[in-house]
Protein backbone atom coordinates (compact mmCIF):
# COMPACT_ATOMS: atom_id res chain seq x y z
CA MET A 1 -9.48 -9.51 44.19
CA THR A 2 -10.61 -12.63 42.18
CA THR A 3 -14.01 -12.95 41.86
CA PRO A 4 -16.12 -15.48 40.42
CA LEU A 5 -17.29 -13.22 37.40
CA LYS A 6 -13.30 -12.32 37.15
CA GLN A 7 -12.34 -15.34 37.26
CA ALA A 8 -14.79 -17.09 34.15
CA ILE A 9 -13.93 -13.96 32.25
CA LEU A 10 -10.14 -14.12 32.68
CA GLY A 11 -9.23 -17.60 34.05
CA ASP A 12 -7.52 -18.75 31.13
CA LEU A 13 -5.54 -15.72 29.42
CA ASP A 14 -2.01 -16.01 31.78
CA HIS A 15 -2.13 -20.07 30.46
CA GLU A 16 -2.75 -18.32 26.73
CA ILE A 17 -0.08 -15.94 27.47
CA ALA A 18 2.46 -18.05 29.15
CA THR A 19 1.48 -20.61 25.51
CA THR A 20 2.22 -17.98 23.02
CA ARG A 21 5.54 -17.25 25.07
CA ARG A 22 6.62 -20.42 24.67
CA VAL A 23 5.89 -20.34 20.83
CA LEU A 24 7.89 -16.89 20.33
CA GLU A 25 10.54 -18.61 22.06
CA ARG A 26 10.64 -21.00 19.34
CA ALA A 27 11.27 -18.38 16.17
CA PRO A 28 14.29 -18.24 15.08
CA ASP A 29 15.73 -14.65 14.63
CA GLU A 30 17.85 -15.28 11.38
CA HIS A 31 14.39 -16.57 9.70
CA TYR A 32 12.53 -13.05 10.96
CA GLY A 33 12.02 -11.59 6.71
CA TRP A 34 10.63 -15.57 5.84
CA LYS A 35 7.32 -16.16 4.67
CA PRO A 36 5.37 -18.67 3.26
CA HIS A 37 3.22 -17.43 0.93
CA GLU A 38 3.10 -13.79 -0.59
CA LYS A 39 0.33 -12.73 0.87
CA SER A 40 1.23 -13.79 4.72
CA TRP A 41 3.31 -12.07 6.99
CA THR A 42 6.74 -12.62 7.74
CA LEU A 43 7.77 -14.36 11.26
CA GLY A 44 8.50 -10.95 12.51
CA GLU A 45 5.51 -9.27 11.70
CA LEU A 46 3.74 -12.29 12.78
CA CYS A 47 5.77 -12.43 16.44
CA ALA A 48 5.82 -8.12 16.53
CA HIS A 49 1.35 -8.91 16.21
CA LEU A 50 0.80 -11.02 18.48
CA GLN A 51 3.37 -9.25 20.62
CA ASN A 52 1.05 -6.14 20.66
CA LEU A 53 -2.19 -8.17 21.37
CA LEU A 54 -0.69 -7.85 24.94
CA TYR A 55 -1.15 -4.19 23.92
CA TRP A 56 -4.82 -4.45 22.79
CA GLN A 57 -5.08 -6.70 26.00
CA ARG A 58 -4.30 -3.68 28.22
CA LEU A 59 -6.01 -1.17 26.41
CA ILE A 60 -9.40 -3.32 26.51
CA LEU A 61 -9.25 -3.32 29.92
CA GLU A 62 -8.33 0.41 31.01
CA GLN A 63 -10.09 2.31 28.21
CA ASP A 64 -13.83 2.40 27.20
CA GLU A 65 -12.72 2.74 23.82
CA PHE A 66 -9.80 2.84 20.61
CA ASP A 67 -9.38 5.03 17.50
CA LEU A 68 -7.69 3.69 15.24
CA ALA A 69 -8.01 6.71 13.30
CA ALA A 70 -6.60 8.94 16.70
CA SER A 71 -3.63 6.65 17.80
CA PRO A 72 -3.05 3.87 15.72
CA PRO A 73 -1.38 0.88 17.63
CA PRO A 74 2.63 -0.06 17.43
CA ARG A 75 3.53 -1.58 14.78
CA THR A 76 7.59 -2.25 15.33
CA VAL A 77 8.94 -5.22 14.47
CA PRO A 78 11.61 -6.71 16.72
CA VAL A 79 14.99 -7.56 15.38
CA SER A 80 15.68 -10.62 17.86
CA ARG A 81 13.83 -13.08 19.34
CA ASP A 82 15.60 -11.26 22.76
CA GLU A 83 14.10 -7.86 22.05
CA LEU A 84 10.74 -9.39 21.14
CA LEU A 85 10.81 -11.67 24.05
CA ARG A 86 11.98 -8.52 26.52
CA GLY A 87 8.63 -7.02 24.92
CA PHE A 88 6.48 -9.85 25.51
CA ASP A 89 7.68 -9.84 29.25
CA GLU A 90 7.17 -5.98 29.34
CA ASN A 91 3.26 -6.02 28.05
CA LYS A 92 3.05 -8.72 29.95
CA LYS A 93 3.51 -6.97 33.61
CA ALA A 94 1.11 -3.93 31.87
CA VAL A 95 -1.76 -6.61 31.04
CA ASP A 96 -1.11 -8.14 34.57
CA ALA A 97 -1.26 -4.87 36.37
CA ALA A 98 -4.46 -4.01 34.24
CA VAL A 99 -5.85 -7.12 35.11
CA ALA A 100 -5.60 -6.75 38.90
CA ASP A 101 -7.15 -3.18 38.37
CA VAL A 102 -10.60 -4.41 36.76
CA ASP A 103 -13.94 -5.15 38.26
CA ASP A 104 -17.14 -7.39 37.44
CA ALA A 105 -19.11 -3.53 36.75
CA ALA A 106 -16.07 -2.67 34.33
CA LEU A 107 -16.13 -6.18 32.92
CA GLY A 108 -19.95 -5.56 32.08
CA GLN A 109 -19.22 -2.00 30.51
CA THR A 110 -19.30 -1.27 26.55
CA TRP A 111 -15.81 -0.84 24.94
CA THR A 112 -15.82 0.75 21.53
CA LEU A 113 -13.60 0.36 18.65
CA ARG A 114 -13.67 3.22 16.22
CA ASN A 115 -11.99 4.92 13.37
CA GLY A 116 -12.94 8.16 13.84
CA ASP A 117 -16.64 8.68 13.64
CA GLN A 118 -16.94 5.06 12.25
CA VAL A 119 -18.00 2.84 14.93
CA ILE A 120 -16.23 -0.74 14.06
CA PHE A 121 -17.88 -2.37 17.41
CA ALA A 122 -19.45 -1.41 20.37
CA GLN A 123 -19.48 -4.95 22.53
CA PRO A 124 -19.30 -5.80 26.33
CA ARG A 125 -15.20 -5.09 27.99
CA ALA A 126 -15.05 -8.81 28.20
CA GLY A 127 -16.56 -10.47 25.23
CA VAL A 128 -13.99 -7.66 23.25
CA LEU A 129 -10.91 -9.21 26.08
CA ARG A 130 -12.36 -12.79 25.17
CA GLY A 131 -12.77 -12.69 21.28
CA MET A 132 -10.08 -9.81 20.02
CA GLY A 133 -7.34 -10.14 23.30
CA ILE A 134 -7.71 -14.03 23.83
CA SER A 135 -9.15 -15.81 21.17
CA HIS A 136 -6.84 -13.35 18.55
CA MET A 137 -3.49 -14.45 20.41
CA VAL A 138 -4.87 -18.28 19.86
CA HIS A 139 -5.23 -17.89 16.43
CA HIS A 140 -1.98 -16.54 15.79
CA ARG A 141 -0.19 -18.37 17.69
CA GLY A 142 -1.55 -21.10 15.86
CA GLN A 143 0.00 -19.96 12.65
CA LEU A 144 3.24 -19.07 14.16
CA SER A 145 3.61 -22.82 14.71
CA VAL A 146 2.55 -23.60 11.32
CA TYR A 147 5.84 -21.06 10.15
CA LEU A 148 7.95 -22.79 13.10
CA ARG A 149 6.66 -26.17 11.03
CA LEU A 150 7.61 -25.34 7.75
CA LEU A 151 10.64 -23.96 9.00
CA ASP A 152 11.71 -27.41 10.57
CA VAL A 153 11.96 -25.80 14.12
CA PRO A 154 10.57 -27.71 16.98
CA VAL A 155 6.75 -26.75 18.09
CA PRO A 156 6.26 -27.07 21.52
CA ALA A 157 3.37 -28.72 23.14
CA VAL A 158 -0.03 -26.52 23.33
CA TYR A 159 -2.68 -27.82 24.32
CA GLY A 160 -0.95 -31.82 24.53
CA PRO A 161 1.81 -33.04 22.81
CA SER A 162 2.74 -32.16 19.28
CA ALA A 163 4.66 -34.21 17.05
CA ASP A 164 8.11 -32.58 18.83
CA GLU A 165 7.11 -32.51 22.40
CA SER A 166 5.16 -34.06 24.86
CA PRO A 167 4.23 -32.33 28.53
CA PHE A 168 3.94 -35.87 29.69
């Protein structure tokens, strides 16, 4: 059941995930090793991070904390766009199931990110999902859009027209 609180907190999650998938669909396999700067991730690493952020969204919804020292998140770089999108879609299904199961009370509970005994932060789950789950994904999707532009790959419309595509 979707309550007004749950809708307010999670209302744009589906839209942002779908938009992220559309941008990931443009990432060309032949450039997965490319990076725009020596300090940057490769295109493949950035795509893998976007896929992995859905894993984080699920963890935030299903667990009360995550300990980086005990169980680091997966960091596998897909070898192709097809593999990337398959993994993204699998993670999306898991997020959908977690969203269906979460209730208003759980969204208000504290979620903690730690590294062993060091607490990195402890905040209400809803805020963590917004910041670490949704806004973090939007940030890296923006980076990916720049990578695409630099590679002369048509950039999809995101919040309105791009120079390459208009939703109207």
